[in-house]
Amino acid sequence: MDLANMFYLPGIAKSYDSLWMERCVETWLCGLEQSILDDAVLDAHFGYPEGVGCWRVAKRRGIPVFITIRGLEVELFSTRSRGRQLVKALSEATGVIAVSHSLRNAAILAGVPKGKISVIPNGVDTACFHPGNKESARTAVGYRNTNKLIVSVGNLKPVKGHDTLIRAFASLENRTRVQLVCIGGGVTSPWGIELRKQADSLGIGNRVQFIGPQSPAVVADWLRAADLFALASRREGCCNAVLEALATGVQVVATDAGDNAFFVKTPCCGRVVPVEDWKAMGVAVDECLESNFDLCSITESVRDCSWSRVAESVVRTFESRAVPTALRIG
């Protein structure tokens, strides 16, 4: 079935986007059989404009509505019009799913009743991200270097902190025997170009490689080929890349952003360092590269984050909160 198109003006009148989303969702529902709508719930991912638009339609139709918040909402809470819309929608929704404890706390601080919010992390495709033979993986991705390998996955944007990671890499005690491979889009963007210049200026340009976006299967092979995963994010909700690294059985060094500390919770799993602290990150990377770790313990730490287990948690949340129509919203 074709979905209705949403009217959208990039960068203009963003407080009206929820109205255009509402119209889009209403048009879509009007094309569905009533028998489908009788037992339906609306499941909106991202608070604005998706969540607000779906909440308005659901309130009018008496349909249960669930809104998942993923991280962008933190900045929106402090805006005037969109923030008010978002808090009202979250407060009156049938239920709210936060992908991290830090997001739940941010929503509560913004005024959303804590009883509305369930924390369910992002899911990992464990059919793709699982342990494997390191040498076979290195052959698969064409990594023929004998140096230890650090892999980082994330689009090249300031929020992902690659500049902090590069400074940390430059501080490593044995940096001449280590290689850093960064996977993610934005290699030719202004920020991507600045990162390359930074690596060159620190004398590590030949040991830092930016390979652009890759398919999940290729990313999984790079993780299996790695000795360590590192990410210096300035902000996160529930970081998929961290979960995928752990599911693949590789230690993680990450900043204390979002729920990273919730998942990297034992020395076996890696280290968590303060945001922006390149010195602490360098020390943590050195420690992990020299440590022995139990691959099985790392993968077991995120056992409950598989797609199937996360889906089960979402369904249970829907079932537990989808009460009679008159009480469903508000």
C-alpha atoms as a PDB file:
ATOM      1  CA  MET A   1       0.000   0.000   0.000  1.00  0.00           C
ATOM      2  CA  ASP A   2       1.293   3.457  -0.903  1.00  0.00           C
ATOM      3  CA  LEU A   3       1.799   5.749   2.073  1.00  0.00           C
ATOM      4  CA  ALA A   4       0.782   9.394   2.016  1.00  0.00           C
ATOM      5  CA  ASN A   5       3.546  11.890   1.328  1.00  0.00           C
ATOM      6  CA  MET A   6       4.459  14.368   4.026  1.00  0.00           C
ATOM      7  CA  PHE A   7       4.794  18.057   3.216  1.00  0.00           C
ATOM      8  CA  TYR A   8       8.238  19.203   4.331  1.00  0.00           C
ATOM      9  CA  LEU A   9      10.213  22.465   4.177  1.00  0.00           C
ATOM     10  CA  PRO A  10      13.878  21.874   5.085  1.00  0.00           C
ATOM     11  CA  GLY A  11      14.994  24.214   7.846  1.00  0.00           C
ATOM     12  CA  ILE A  12      11.799  26.288   7.811  1.00  0.00           C
ATOM     13  CA  ALA A  13       8.813  26.454  10.199  1.00  0.00           C
ATOM     14  CA  LYS A  14       9.807  23.266  11.992  1.00  0.00           C
ATOM     15  CA  SER A  15       7.121  23.726  14.650  1.00  0.00           C
ATOM     16  CA  TYR A  16       4.562  22.865  11.955  1.00  0.00           C
ATOM     17  CA  ASP A  17       6.146  19.552  10.963  1.00  0.00           C
ATOM     18  CA  SER A  18       3.981  17.699  13.474  1.00  0.00           C
ATOM     19  CA  LEU A  19       0.864  19.005  11.702  1.00  0.00           C
ATOM     20  CA  TRP A  20       2.102  17.751   8.352  1.00  0.00           C
ATOM     21  CA  MET A  21       2.944  14.415   9.977  1.00  0.00           C
ATOM     22  CA  GLU A  22      -0.540  14.267  11.507  1.00  0.00           C
ATOM     23  CA  ARG A  23      -2.135  14.824   8.109  1.00  0.00           C
ATOM     24  CA  CYS A  24       0.101  12.191   6.527  1.00  0.00           C
ATOM     25  CA  VAL A  25      -0.737   9.555   9.155  1.00  0.00           C
ATOM     26  CA  GLU A  26      -4.457  10.343   9.051  1.00  0.00           C
ATOM     27  CA  THR A  27      -4.507   9.959   5.260  1.00  0.00           C
ATOM     28  CA  TRP A  28      -2.709   6.627   5.568  1.00  0.00           C
ATOM     29  CA  LEU A  29      -5.128   5.293   8.203  1.00  0.00           C
ATOM     30  CA  CYS A  30      -8.124   6.342   6.116  1.00  0.00           C
ATOM     31  CA  GLY A  31      -6.949   3.897   3.468  1.00  0.00           C
ATOM     32  CA  LEU A  32      -6.948   0.927   5.853  1.00  0.00           C
ATOM     33  CA  GLU A  33      -9.807  -1.489   6.520  1.00  0.00           C
ATOM     34  CA  GLN A  34     -11.667  -0.861   9.773  1.00  0.00           C
ATOM     35  CA  SER A  35     -11.009  -4.473  10.802  1.00  0.00           C
ATOM     36  CA  ILE A  36      -7.298  -3.633  10.843  1.00  0.00           C
ATOM     37  CA  LEU A  37      -7.789  -0.491  12.913  1.00  0.00           C
ATOM     38  CA  ASP A  38      -9.982  -2.243  15.498  1.00  0.00           C
ATOM     39  CA  ASP A  39      -6.956  -4.000  17.011  1.00  0.00           C
ATOM     40  CA  ALA A  40      -4.236  -1.569  15.954  1.00  0.00           C
ATOM     41  CA  VAL A  41      -1.697   0.455  17.876  1.00  0.00           C
ATOM     42  CA  LEU A  42       0.313   3.321  16.471  1.00  0.00           C
ATOM     43  CA  ASP A  43       4.054   2.888  17.006  1.00  0.00           C
ATOM     44  CA  ALA A  44       5.955   6.117  16.368  1.00  0.00           C
ATOM     45  CA  HIS A  45       9.743   6.142  16.244  1.00  0.00           C
ATOM     46  CA  PHE A  46      11.339   9.458  17.202  1.00  0.00           C
ATOM     47  CA  GLY A  47       9.444  11.958  19.300  1.00  0.00           C
ATOM     48  CA  TYR A  48       9.199  14.805  16.801  1.00  0.00           C
ATOM     49  CA  PRO A  49       7.505  15.136  14.430  1.00  0.00           C
ATOM     50  CA  GLU A  50       6.588  11.432  14.224  1.00  0.00           C
ATOM     51  CA  GLY A  51       5.506  11.004  17.836  1.00  0.00           C
ATOM     52  CA  VAL A  52       3.557  14.247  18.089  1.00  0.00           C
ATOM     53  CA  GLY A  53       1.787  13.679  14.767  1.00  0.00           C
ATOM     54  CA  CYS A  54       0.825  10.104  15.630  1.00  0.00           C
ATOM     55  CA  TRP A  55      -0.329  11.120  19.119  1.00  0.00           C
ATOM     56  CA  ARG A  56      -2.747  13.694  17.669  1.00  0.00           C
ATOM     57  CA  VAL A  57      -4.259  11.161  15.282  1.00  0.00           C
ATOM     58  CA  ALA A  58      -4.444   8.495  17.981  1.00  0.00           C
ATOM     59  CA  LYS A  59      -6.120  10.843  20.447  1.00  0.00           C
ATOM     60  CA  ARG A  60      -8.775  11.749  17.912  1.00  0.00           C
ATOM     61  CA  ARG A  61      -9.393   8.123  16.888  1.00  0.00           C
ATOM     62  CA  GLY A  62      -9.034   6.496  20.308  1.00  0.00           C
ATOM     63  CA  ILE A  63      -6.146   4.276  19.207  1.00  0.00           C
ATOM     64  CA  PRO A  64      -3.294   3.326  21.560  1.00  0.00           C
ATOM     65  CA  VAL A  65      -0.078   5.124  20.626  1.00  0.00           C
ATOM     66  CA  PHE A  66       3.484   4.369  21.679  1.00  0.00           C
ATOM     67  CA  ILE A  67       6.378   6.735  21.062  1.00  0.00           C
ATOM     68  CA  THR A  68      10.015   5.663  21.004  1.00  0.00           C
ATOM     69  CA  ILE A  69      12.612   8.314  21.825  1.00  0.00           C
ATOM     70  CA  ARG A  70      16.107   7.734  20.466  1.00  0.00           C
ATOM     71  CA  GLY A  71      18.251  10.727  21.363  1.00  0.00           C
ATOM     72  CA  LEU A  72      17.369  13.687  19.154  1.00  0.00           C
ATOM     73  CA  GLU A  73      14.648  14.568  21.645  1.00  0.00           C
ATOM     74  CA  VAL A  74      17.144  15.784  24.246  1.00  0.00           C
ATOM     75  CA  GLU A  75      17.863  18.957  22.294  1.00  0.00           C
ATOM     76  CA  LEU A  76      14.197  19.450  21.386  1.00  0.00           C
ATOM     77  CA  PHE A  77      13.065  19.425  25.029  1.00  0.00           C
ATOM     78  CA  SER A  78      14.647  22.844  25.493  1.00  0.00           C
ATOM     79  CA  THR A  79      12.982  24.447  22.453  1.00  0.00           C
ATOM     80  CA  ARG A  80       9.823  26.434  22.964  1.00  0.00           C
ATOM     81  CA  SER A  81       7.140  25.225  20.543  1.00  0.00           C
ATOM     82  CA  ARG A  82       8.464  21.789  19.586  1.00  0.00           C
ATOM     83  CA  GLY A  83       9.524  21.073  23.167  1.00  0.00           C
ATOM     84  CA  ARG A  84       6.033  21.792  24.514  1.00  0.00           C
ATOM     85  CA  GLN A  85       4.441  19.657  21.803  1.00  0.00           C
ATOM     86  CA  LEU A  86       6.834  16.806  22.478  1.00  0.00           C
ATOM     87  CA  VAL A  87       6.394  16.765  26.257  1.00  0.00           C
ATOM     88  CA  LYS A  88       2.599  16.862  25.938  1.00  0.00           C
ATOM     89  CA  ALA A  89       2.555  14.008  23.425  1.00  0.00           C
ATOM     90  CA  LEU A  90       4.894  11.863  25.533  1.00  0.00           C
ATOM     91  CA  SER A  91       2.915  12.614  28.691  1.00  0.00           C
ATOM     92  CA  GLU A  92      -0.404  11.626  27.119  1.00  0.00           C
ATOM     93  CA  ALA A  93       0.754   8.692  24.993  1.00  0.00           C
ATOM     94  CA  THR A  94      -0.262   5.187  25.948  1.00  0.00           C
ATOM     95  CA  GLY A  95       3.381   4.454  26.585  1.00  0.00           C
ATOM     96  CA  VAL A  96       6.874   5.747  25.865  1.00  0.00           C
ATOM     97  CA  ILE A  97       9.884   3.601  25.034  1.00  0.00           C
ATOM     98  CA  ALA A  98      13.312   5.109  25.684  1.00  0.00           C
ATOM     99  CA  VAL A  99      16.257   3.309  24.135  1.00  0.00           C
ATOM    100  CA  SER A 100      18.475   4.271  27.075  1.00  0.00           C
ATOM    101  CA  HIS A 101      18.273   5.098  30.774  1.00  0.00           C
ATOM    102  CA  SER A 102      19.859   8.484  30.060  1.00  0.00           C
ATOM    103  CA  LEU A 103      17.018   9.343  27.664  1.00  0.00           C
ATOM    104  CA  ARG A 104      14.448   8.239  30.218  1.00  0.00           C
ATOM    105  CA  ASN A 105      16.035  10.569  32.767  1.00  0.00           C
ATOM    106  CA  ALA A 106      16.066  13.448  30.266  1.00  0.00           C
ATOM    107  CA  ALA A 107      12.370  12.932  29.512  1.00  0.00           C
ATOM    108  CA  ILE A 108      11.490  12.859  33.211  1.00  0.00           C
ATOM    109  CA  LEU A 109      13.433  16.090  33.773  1.00  0.00           C
ATOM    110  CA  ALA A 110      11.471  17.644  30.901  1.00  0.00           C
ATOM    111  CA  GLY A 111       8.199  16.795  32.639  1.00  0.00           C
ATOM    112  CA  VAL A 112       7.155  13.402  31.275  1.00  0.00           C
ATOM    113  CA  PRO A 113       5.678  11.152  34.014  1.00  0.00           C
ATOM    114  CA  LYS A 114       8.228   8.448  34.819  1.00  0.00           C
ATOM    115  CA  GLY A 115       5.538   5.788  34.964  1.00  0.00           C
ATOM    116  CA  LYS A 116       4.914   6.283  31.242  1.00  0.00           C
ATOM    117  CA  ILE A 117       8.447   5.312  30.224  1.00  0.00           C
ATOM    118  CA  SER A 118       9.930   1.872  29.637  1.00  0.00           C
ATOM    119  CA  VAL A 119      13.614   1.432  28.784  1.00  0.00           C
ATOM    120  CA  ILE A 120      14.208  -0.989  25.921  1.00  0.00           C
ATOM    121  CA  PRO A 121      17.605  -0.789  24.185  1.00  0.00           C
ATOM    122  CA  ASN A 122      18.205  -0.978  20.464  1.00  0.00           C
ATOM    123  CA  GLY A 123      18.409  -4.464  19.028  1.00  0.00           C
ATOM    124  CA  VAL A 124      21.399  -6.152  17.408  1.00  0.00           C
ATOM    125  CA  ASP A 125      21.202  -8.445  14.394  1.00  0.00           C
ATOM    126  CA  THR A 126      23.096 -11.324  15.973  1.00  0.00           C
ATOM    127  CA  ALA A 127      22.821 -13.308  12.761  1.00  0.00           C
ATOM    128  CA  CYS A 128      25.259 -10.740  11.349  1.00  0.00           C
ATOM    129  CA  PHE A 129      27.154  -9.484  14.392  1.00  0.00           C
ATOM    130  CA  HIS A 130      28.645 -12.504  16.111  1.00  0.00           C
ATOM    131  CA  PRO A 131      32.154 -13.779  16.899  1.00  0.00           C
ATOM    132  CA  GLY A 132      34.287 -15.386  14.233  1.00  0.00           C
ATOM    133  CA  ASN A 133      37.844 -16.168  13.242  1.00  0.00           C
ATOM    134  CA  LYS A 134      40.020 -13.032  13.346  1.00  0.00           C
ATOM    135  CA  GLU A 135      42.418 -14.117  10.611  1.00  0.00           C
ATOM    136  CA  SER A 136      39.600 -15.083   8.255  1.00  0.00           C
ATOM    137  CA  ALA A 137      37.946 -11.736   8.905  1.00  0.00           C
ATOM    138  CA  ARG A 138      41.179  -9.861   8.189  1.00  0.00           C
ATOM    139  CA  THR A 139      41.498 -11.716   4.919  1.00  0.00           C
ATOM    140  CA  ALA A 140      37.878 -10.910   4.054  1.00  0.00           C
ATOM    141  CA  VAL A 141      38.349  -7.140   4.551  1.00  0.00           C
ATOM    142  CA  GLY A 142      41.824  -7.081   3.010  1.00  0.00           C
ATOM    143  CA  TYR A 143      43.678  -6.106   6.173  1.00  0.00           C
ATOM    144  CA  ARG A 144      47.149  -7.558   5.658  1.00  0.00           C
ATOM    145  CA  ASN A 145      48.953  -5.424   8.204  1.00  0.00           C
ATOM    146  CA  THR A 146      50.492  -7.197  11.207  1.00  0.00           C
ATOM    147  CA  ASN A 147      49.780  -4.173  13.427  1.00  0.00           C
ATOM    148  CA  LYS A 148      47.053  -4.276  16.040  1.00  0.00           C
ATOM    149  CA  LEU A 149      43.785  -2.945  14.688  1.00  0.00           C
ATOM    150  CA  ILE A 150      41.381  -0.465  16.266  1.00  0.00           C
ATOM    151  CA  VAL A 151      38.023  -0.045  14.523  1.00  0.00           C
ATOM    152  CA  SER A 152      35.599   2.847  14.999  1.00  0.00           C
ATOM    153  CA  VAL A 153      32.116   2.928  13.461  1.00  0.00           C
ATOM    154  CA  GLY A 154      30.148   6.160  13.133  1.00  0.00           C
ATOM    155  CA  ASN A 155      29.453   8.834  10.555  1.00  0.00           C
ATOM    156  CA  LEU A 156      32.101  11.546  10.484  1.00  0.00           C
ATOM    157  CA  LYS A 157      30.253  14.235  12.408  1.00  0.00           C
ATOM    158  CA  PRO A 158      31.475  16.321  15.348  1.00  0.00           C
ATOM    159  CA  VAL A 159      29.025  14.576  17.703  1.00  0.00           C
ATOM    160  CA  LYS A 160      30.861  11.274  17.180  1.00  0.00           C
ATOM    161  CA  GLY A 161      34.112  12.737  18.508  1.00  0.00           C
ATOM    162  CA  HIS A 162      36.563  11.381  15.943  1.00  0.00           C
ATOM    163  CA  ASP A 163      38.801  14.372  16.659  1.00  0.00           C
ATOM    164  CA  THR A 164      39.085  13.239  20.289  1.00  0.00           C
ATOM    165  CA  LEU A 165      39.751   9.670  19.174  1.00  0.00           C
ATOM    166  CA  ILE A 166      42.510  10.770  16.791  1.00  0.00           C
ATOM    167  CA  ARG A 167      44.232  12.748  19.559  1.00  0.00           C
ATOM    168  CA  ALA A 168      43.961   9.711  21.825  1.00  0.00           C
ATOM    169  CA  PHE A 169      45.391   7.489  19.101  1.00  0.00           C
ATOM    170  CA  ALA A 170      48.332   9.855  18.655  1.00  0.00           C
ATOM    171  CA  SER A 171      49.092   9.526  22.376  1.00  0.00           C
ATOM    172  CA  LEU A 172      49.381   5.718  22.403  1.00  0.00           C
ATOM    173  CA  GLU A 173      52.624   4.337  23.783  1.00  0.00           C
ATOM    174  CA  ASN A 174      52.989   1.897  20.887  1.00  0.00           C
ATOM    175  CA  ARG A 175      51.206   3.908  18.224  1.00  0.00           C
ATOM    176  CA  THR A 176      53.660   2.831  15.515  1.00  0.00           C
ATOM    177  CA  ARG A 177      52.378  -0.726  15.904  1.00  0.00           C
ATOM    178  CA  VAL A 178      48.672   0.118  15.796  1.00  0.00           C
ATOM    179  CA  GLN A 179      46.288   0.979  12.956  1.00  0.00           C
ATOM    180  CA  LEU A 180      42.986   2.880  13.240  1.00  0.00           C
ATOM    181  CA  VAL A 181      40.214   2.239  10.708  1.00  0.00           C
ATOM    182  CA  CYS A 182      37.181   4.551  10.802  1.00  0.00           C
ATOM    183  CA  ILE A 183      33.994   3.321   9.131  1.00  0.00           C
ATOM    184  CA  GLY A 184      31.207   5.781   8.325  1.00  0.00           C
ATOM    185  CA  GLY A 185      29.948   8.354   5.880  1.00  0.00           C
ATOM    186  CA  GLY A 186      31.245  11.895   5.495  1.00  0.00           C
ATOM    187  CA  VAL A 187      34.815  11.195   4.386  1.00  0.00           C
ATOM    188  CA  THR A 188      34.739  14.045   1.849  1.00  0.00           C
ATOM    189  CA  SER A 189      32.668  16.404   4.022  1.00  0.00           C
ATOM    190  CA  PRO A 190      34.337  19.491   5.533  1.00  0.00           C
ATOM    191  CA  TRP A 191      34.560  17.693   8.888  1.00  0.00           C
ATOM    192  CA  GLY A 192      35.964  14.569   7.260  1.00  0.00           C
ATOM    193  CA  ILE A 193      38.630  16.650   5.541  1.00  0.00           C
ATOM    194  CA  GLU A 194      39.489  18.358   8.855  1.00  0.00           C
ATOM    195  CA  LEU A 195      39.923  14.967  10.515  1.00  0.00           C
ATOM    196  CA  ARG A 196      42.360  13.891   7.825  1.00  0.00           C
ATOM    197  CA  LYS A 197      44.304  17.130   8.270  1.00  0.00           C
ATOM    198  CA  GLN A 198      44.357  16.568  12.033  1.00  0.00           C
ATOM    199  CA  ALA A 199      45.759  13.056  11.629  1.00  0.00           C
ATOM    200  CA  ASP A 200      48.439  14.349   9.254  1.00  0.00           C
ATOM    201  CA  SER A 201      49.396  17.186  11.589  1.00  0.00           C
ATOM    202  CA  LEU A 202      49.844  14.701  14.459  1.00  0.00           C
ATOM    203  CA  GLY A 203      52.099  12.531  12.331  1.00  0.00           C
ATOM    204  CA  ILE A 204      49.708   9.565  12.209  1.00  0.00           C
ATOM    205  CA  GLY A 205      48.109  10.100   8.803  1.00  0.00           C
ATOM    206  CA  ASN A 206      49.563   6.837   7.500  1.00  0.00           C
ATOM    207  CA  ARG A 207      48.025   4.894  10.386  1.00  0.00           C
ATOM    208  CA  VAL A 208      44.496   6.340  10.295  1.00  0.00           C
ATOM    209  CA  GLN A 209      42.248   5.127   7.501  1.00  0.00           C
ATOM    210  CA  PHE A 210      38.765   6.427   6.635  1.00  0.00           C
ATOM    211  CA  ILE A 211      36.948   3.864   4.494  1.00  0.00           C
ATOM    212  CA  GLY A 212      33.458   5.370   4.274  1.00  0.00           C
ATOM    213  CA  PRO A 213      30.130   3.617   4.879  1.00  0.00           C
ATOM    214  CA  GLN A 214      30.040  -0.166   4.614  1.00  0.00           C
ATOM    215  CA  SER A 215      27.345  -2.819   4.587  1.00  0.00           C
ATOM    216  CA  PRO A 216      26.481  -4.472   7.919  1.00  0.00           C
ATOM    217  CA  ALA A 217      28.189  -7.682   6.811  1.00  0.00           C
ATOM    218  CA  VAL A 218      31.427  -5.850   6.012  1.00  0.00           C
ATOM    219  CA  VAL A 219      31.244  -3.889   9.281  1.00  0.00           C
ATOM    220  CA  ALA A 220      30.859  -7.180  11.138  1.00  0.00           C
ATOM    221  CA  ASP A 221      33.981  -8.557   9.420  1.00  0.00           C
ATOM    222  CA  TRP A 222      35.958  -5.443  10.383  1.00  0.00           C
ATOM    223  CA  LEU A 223      34.850  -5.891  13.993  1.00  0.00           C
ATOM    224  CA  ARG A 224      35.870  -9.544  13.967  1.00  0.00           C
ATOM    225  CA  ALA A 225      39.212  -8.473  12.517  1.00  0.00           C
ATOM    226  CA  ALA A 226      39.742  -5.864  15.241  1.00  0.00           C
ATOM    227  CA  ASP A 227      41.688  -5.996  18.471  1.00  0.00           C
ATOM    228  CA  LEU A 228      39.578  -3.172  19.897  1.00  0.00           C
ATOM    229  CA  PHE A 229      36.571  -0.988  19.107  1.00  0.00           C
ATOM    230  CA  ALA A 230      36.761   2.701  20.080  1.00  0.00           C
ATOM    231  CA  LEU A 231      34.285   5.569  19.881  1.00  0.00           C
ATOM    232  CA  ALA A 232      34.590   9.035  21.445  1.00  0.00           C
ATOM    233  CA  SER A 233      30.981  10.234  21.099  1.00  0.00           C
ATOM    234  CA  ARG A 234      29.939  13.513  22.659  1.00  0.00           C
ATOM    235  CA  ARG A 235      26.282  12.433  22.759  1.00  0.00           C
ATOM    236  CA  GLU A 236      24.491   9.109  22.433  1.00  0.00           C
ATOM    237  CA  GLY A 237      21.226   7.449  23.281  1.00  0.00           C
ATOM    238  CA  CYS A 238      21.738   3.730  22.888  1.00  0.00           C
ATOM    239  CA  CYS A 239      24.736   3.352  20.591  1.00  0.00           C
ATOM    240  CA  ASN A 240      24.173   0.614  18.006  1.00  0.00           C
ATOM    241  CA  ALA A 241      27.857   0.507  17.132  1.00  0.00           C
ATOM    242  CA  VAL A 242      28.842  -0.266  20.731  1.00  0.00           C
ATOM    243  CA  LEU A 243      26.247  -3.041  20.977  1.00  0.00           C
ATOM    244  CA  GLU A 244      27.357  -4.526  17.657  1.00  0.00           C
ATOM    245  CA  ALA A 245      30.991  -4.507  18.733  1.00  0.00           C
ATOM    246  CA  LEU A 246      30.172  -6.273  21.994  1.00  0.00           C
ATOM    247  CA  ALA A 247      27.960  -8.795  20.185  1.00  0.00           C
ATOM    248  CA  THR A 248      30.901  -9.550  17.903  1.00  0.00           C
ATOM    249  CA  GLY A 249      33.109 -10.215  20.921  1.00  0.00           C
ATOM    250  CA  VAL A 250      35.495  -7.263  20.753  1.00  0.00           C
ATOM    251  CA  GLN A 251      36.414  -5.020  23.686  1.00  0.00           C
ATOM    252  CA  VAL A 252      35.085  -1.458  23.623  1.00  0.00           C
ATOM    253  CA  VAL A 253      36.591   1.841  24.720  1.00  0.00           C
ATOM    254  CA  ALA A 254      33.879   4.495  24.666  1.00  0.00           C
ATOM    255  CA  THR A 255      32.935   7.765  26.302  1.00  0.00           C
ATOM    256  CA  ASP A 256      30.432   8.026  29.110  1.00  0.00           C
ATOM    257  CA  ALA A 257      27.723   9.199  26.725  1.00  0.00           C
ATOM    258  CA  GLY A 258      24.193   7.851  26.702  1.00  0.00           C
ATOM    259  CA  ASP A 259      24.062   4.284  28.030  1.00  0.00           C
ATOM    260  CA  ASN A 260      27.608   3.301  27.043  1.00  0.00           C
ATOM    261  CA  ALA A 261      28.537   2.750  30.695  1.00  0.00           C
ATOM    262  CA  PHE A 262      25.463   0.553  31.154  1.00  0.00           C
ATOM    263  CA  PHE A 263      26.737  -1.873  28.513  1.00  0.00           C
ATOM    264  CA  VAL A 264      30.508  -1.560  28.971  1.00  0.00           C
ATOM    265  CA  LYS A 265      30.094  -2.355  32.632  1.00  0.00           C
ATOM    266  CA  THR A 266      33.003  -4.691  33.407  1.00  0.00           C
ATOM    267  CA  PRO A 267      36.740  -4.491  32.669  1.00  0.00           C
ATOM    268  CA  CYS A 268      36.308  -7.554  30.477  1.00  0.00           C
ATOM    269  CA  CYS A 269      34.018  -5.575  28.169  1.00  0.00           C
ATOM    270  CA  GLY A 270      36.399  -2.612  27.957  1.00  0.00           C
ATOM    271  CA  ARG A 271      36.624   0.863  29.442  1.00  0.00           C
ATOM    272  CA  VAL A 272      34.420   3.961  29.687  1.00  0.00           C
ATOM    273  CA  VAL A 273      36.102   7.376  29.828  1.00  0.00           C
ATOM    274  CA  PRO A 274      34.840  10.961  30.253  1.00  0.00           C
ATOM    275  CA  VAL A 275      33.581  12.797  27.184  1.00  0.00           C
ATOM    276  CA  GLU A 276      36.272  14.945  25.502  1.00  0.00           C
ATOM    277  CA  ASP A 277      39.081  13.405  27.600  1.00  0.00           C
ATOM    278  CA  TRP A 278      41.546  12.244  24.942  1.00  0.00           C
ATOM    279  CA  LYS A 279      44.240  11.507  27.511  1.00  0.00           C
ATOM    280  CA  ALA A 280      41.983   9.124  29.440  1.00  0.00           C
ATOM    281  CA  MET A 281      40.899   7.516  26.197  1.00  0.00           C
ATOM    282  CA  GLY A 282      44.512   6.970  25.157  1.00  0.00           C
ATOM    283  CA  VAL A 283      45.326   5.305  28.481  1.00  0.00           C
ATOM    284  CA  ALA A 284      42.218   3.098  28.238  1.00  0.00           C
ATOM    285  CA  VAL A 285      43.096   2.046  24.676  1.00  0.00           C
ATOM    286  CA  ASP A 286      46.638   1.142  25.746  1.00  0.00           C
ATOM    287  CA  GLU A 287      45.303  -0.915  28.654  1.00  0.00           C
ATOM    288  CA  CYS A 288      42.821  -2.821  26.527  1.00  0.00           C
ATOM    289  CA  LEU A 289      45.301  -3.541  23.740  1.00  0.00           C
ATOM    290  CA  GLU A 290      47.568  -5.174  26.295  1.00  0.00           C
ATOM    291  CA  SER A 291      44.845  -7.094  28.147  1.00  0.00           C
ATOM    292  CA  ASN A 292      43.483 -10.580  27.661  1.00  0.00           C
ATOM    293  CA  PHE A 293      39.714 -10.837  27.483  1.00  0.00           C
ATOM    294  CA  ASP A 294      37.077 -13.544  27.372  1.00  0.00           C
ATOM    295  CA  LEU A 295      35.209 -13.274  24.077  1.00  0.00           C
ATOM    296  CA  CYS A 296      32.276 -15.327  25.371  1.00  0.00           C
ATOM    297  CA  SER A 297      31.816 -13.056  28.392  1.00  0.00           C
ATOM    298  CA  ILE A 298      31.684 -10.011  26.114  1.00  0.00           C
ATOM    299  CA  THR A 299      29.020 -11.464  23.829  1.00  0.00           C
ATOM    300  CA  GLU A 300      27.032 -12.734  26.808  1.00  0.00           C
ATOM    301  CA  SER A 301      26.887  -9.184  28.203  1.00  0.00           C
ATOM    302  CA  VAL A 302      24.525  -8.132  25.387  1.00  0.00           C
ATOM    303  CA  ARG A 303      22.609 -11.389  25.057  1.00  0.00           C
ATOM    304  CA  ASP A 304      19.325  -9.622  25.823  1.00  0.00           C
ATOM    305  CA  CYS A 305      19.883  -7.100  23.002  1.00  0.00           C
ATOM    306  CA  SER A 306      19.236  -9.470  20.101  1.00  0.00           C
ATOM    307  CA  TRP A 307      16.484  -8.449  17.694  1.00  0.00           C
ATOM    308  CA  SER A 308      14.200 -11.233  18.908  1.00  0.00           C
ATOM    309  CA  ARG A 309      14.588 -10.421  22.615  1.00  0.00           C
ATOM    310  CA  VAL A 310      14.126  -6.697  22.073  1.00  0.00           C
ATOM    311  CA  ALA A 311      11.028  -7.388  19.942  1.00  0.00           C
ATOM    312  CA  GLU A 312       9.615  -9.542  22.738  1.00  0.00           C
ATOM    313  CA  SER A 313      10.156  -6.689  25.204  1.00  0.00           C
ATOM    314  CA  VAL A 314       8.378  -4.236  22.909  1.00  0.00           C
ATOM    315  CA  VAL A 315       5.395  -6.565  22.443  1.00  0.00           C
ATOM    316  CA  ARG A 316       5.134  -7.114  26.197  1.00  0.00           C
ATOM    317  CA  THR A 317       5.127  -3.342  26.708  1.00  0.00           C
ATOM    318  CA  PHE A 318       2.357  -2.916  24.143  1.00  0.00           C
ATOM    319  CA  GLU A 319       0.280  -5.665  25.721  1.00  0.00           C
ATOM    320  CA  SER A 320       0.732  -4.410  29.267  1.00  0.00           C
ATOM    321  CA  ARG A 321      -0.325  -0.848  28.453  1.00  0.00           C
ATOM    322  CA  ALA A 322      -2.980  -1.265  25.749  1.00  0.00           C
ATOM    323  CA  VAL A 323      -5.977  -0.829  28.083  1.00  0.00           C
ATOM    324  CA  PRO A 324      -9.634  -0.151  27.131  1.00  0.00           C
ATOM    325  CA  THR A 325     -10.172   2.638  24.626  1.00  0.00           C
ATOM    326  CA  ALA A 326     -11.523   5.203  27.096  1.00  0.00           C
ATOM    327  CA  LEU A 327      -8.297   4.978  29.122  1.00  0.00           C
ATOM    328  CA  ARG A 328      -5.777   4.451  26.378  1.00  0.00           C
ATOM    329  CA  ILE A 329      -4.515   7.989  25.981  1.00  0.00           C
ATOM    330  CA  GLY A 330      -3.924  10.615  28.635  1.00  0.00           C
END
